[in-house]
C-alpha atoms as a PDB file:
ATOM      1  CA  UNK A   1     -34.503  16.241  -3.561  1.00  0.00           C
ATOM      2  CA  UNK A   2     -32.234  15.359  -6.233  1.00  0.00           C
ATOM      3  CA  UNK A   3     -33.411  13.169  -9.396  1.00  0.00           C
ATOM      4  CA  UNK A   4     -31.781  12.172 -12.089  1.00  0.00           C
ATOM      5  CA  UNK A   5     -32.657  13.700 -15.270  1.00  0.00           C
ATOM      6  CA  UNK A   6     -32.057  10.762 -17.444  1.00  0.00           C
ATOM      7  CA  UNK A   7     -32.513   7.043 -16.913  1.00  0.00           C
ATOM      8  CA  UNK A   8     -29.520   5.153 -16.765  1.00  0.00           C
ATOM      9  CA  UNK A   9     -29.512   2.734 -19.344  1.00  0.00           C
ATOM     10  CA  UNK A  10     -28.510  -0.959 -17.922  1.00  0.00           C
ATOM     11  CA  UNK A  11     -25.483  -0.824 -19.929  1.00  0.00           C
ATOM     12  CA  UNK A  12     -23.858   1.836 -17.886  1.00  0.00           C
ATOM     13  CA  UNK A  13     -25.600   0.486 -14.513  1.00  0.00           C
ATOM     14  CA  UNK A  14     -23.961  -2.705 -15.107  1.00  0.00           C
ATOM     15  CA  UNK A  15     -20.457  -1.365 -16.299  1.00  0.00           C
ATOM     16  CA  UNK A  16     -20.501   0.589 -12.784  1.00  0.00           C
ATOM     17  CA  UNK A  17     -21.065  -2.610 -10.672  1.00  0.00           C
ATOM     18  CA  UNK A  18     -18.614  -4.517 -12.390  1.00  0.00           C
ATOM     19  CA  UNK A  19     -16.137  -4.160  -9.918  1.00  0.00           C
ATOM     20  CA  UNK A  20     -18.362  -5.552  -6.894  1.00  0.00           C
ATOM     21  CA  UNK A  21     -18.027  -9.079  -8.069  1.00  0.00           C
ATOM     22  CA  UNK A  22     -16.288 -11.240  -5.673  1.00  0.00           C
ATOM     23  CA  UNK A  23     -12.878 -12.401  -6.375  1.00  0.00           C
ATOM     24  CA  UNK A  24     -11.421 -15.600  -5.460  1.00  0.00           C
ATOM     25  CA  UNK A  25      -8.420 -15.549  -3.250  1.00  0.00           C
ATOM     26  CA  UNK A  26      -5.115 -16.149  -4.710  1.00  0.00           C
ATOM     27  CA  UNK A  27      -2.788 -18.469  -3.993  1.00  0.00           C
ATOM     28  CA  UNK A  28       1.292 -19.023  -4.250  1.00  0.00           C
ATOM     29  CA  UNK A  29       3.088 -22.047  -3.965  1.00  0.00           C
ATOM     30  CA  UNK A  30       5.956 -21.485  -1.114  1.00  0.00           C
ATOM     31  CA  UNK A  31       9.389 -21.648  -2.144  1.00  0.00           C
ATOM     32  CA  UNK A  32      10.759 -23.737   0.982  1.00  0.00           C
ATOM     33  CA  UNK A  33       7.832 -26.188   1.514  1.00  0.00           C
ATOM     34  CA  UNK A  34       5.959 -26.302  -1.699  1.00  0.00           C
ATOM     35  CA  UNK A  35       2.611 -25.637  -0.104  1.00  0.00           C
ATOM     36  CA  UNK A  36      -0.092 -23.423  -1.311  1.00  0.00           C
ATOM     37  CA  UNK A  37      -0.039 -19.910   1.190  1.00  0.00           C
ATOM     38  CA  UNK A  38      -1.432 -16.463   0.453  1.00  0.00           C
ATOM     39  CA  UNK A  39       0.753 -13.611  -0.727  1.00  0.00           C
ATOM     40  CA  UNK A  40       2.144 -10.967   1.618  1.00  0.00           C
ATOM     41  CA  UNK A  41       1.126 -13.727   4.837  1.00  0.00           C
ATOM     42  CA  UNK A  42       3.470 -15.212   7.415  1.00  0.00           C
ATOM     43  CA  UNK A  43       3.814 -19.341   6.799  1.00  0.00           C
ATOM     44  CA  UNK A  44       2.090 -19.921   9.990  1.00  0.00           C
ATOM     45  CA  UNK A  45       3.741 -23.846   9.786  1.00  0.00           C
ATOM     46  CA  UNK A  46       7.328 -22.772   9.403  1.00  0.00           C
ATOM     47  CA  UNK A  47       6.855 -19.150  10.835  1.00  0.00           C
ATOM     48  CA  UNK A  48       8.661 -17.894   7.903  1.00  0.00           C
ATOM     49  CA  UNK A  49       8.417 -14.428   6.125  1.00  0.00           C
ATOM     50  CA  UNK A  50      10.681 -13.005   3.208  1.00  0.00           C
ATOM     51  CA  UNK A  51      13.384 -15.442   4.376  1.00  0.00           C
ATOM     52  CA  UNK A  52      13.291 -14.827   8.208  1.00  0.00           C
ATOM     53  CA  UNK A  53      11.837 -16.451  10.860  1.00  0.00           C
ATOM     54  CA  UNK A  54       9.431 -14.186  12.301  1.00  0.00           C
ATOM     55  CA  UNK A  55       6.804 -16.727  14.228  1.00  0.00           C
ATOM     56  CA  UNK A  56       8.038 -20.028  16.681  1.00  0.00           C
ATOM     57  CA  UNK A  57       7.022 -22.768  14.237  1.00  0.00           C
ATOM     58  CA  UNK A  58       4.083 -24.701  15.029  1.00  0.00           C
ATOM     59  CA  UNK A  59       5.422 -28.484  15.768  1.00  0.00           C
ATOM     60  CA  UNK A  60       0.897 -29.709  16.419  1.00  0.00           C
ATOM     61  CA  UNK A  61       0.322 -30.008  12.867  1.00  0.00           C
END
């Protein structure tokens, strides 16, 4: 059975876990509508993605 040879210090342990923190999702302002949307995602209200019409626009908003 594998057993660590030395104790891992609190500093080294916490530095290893520094990448585990939850990050808040980023949003960008849409150039056409001015609303916030996720980057690299389709705007569901207009159906546009990168200047192209990808989906039918939703009219029930």
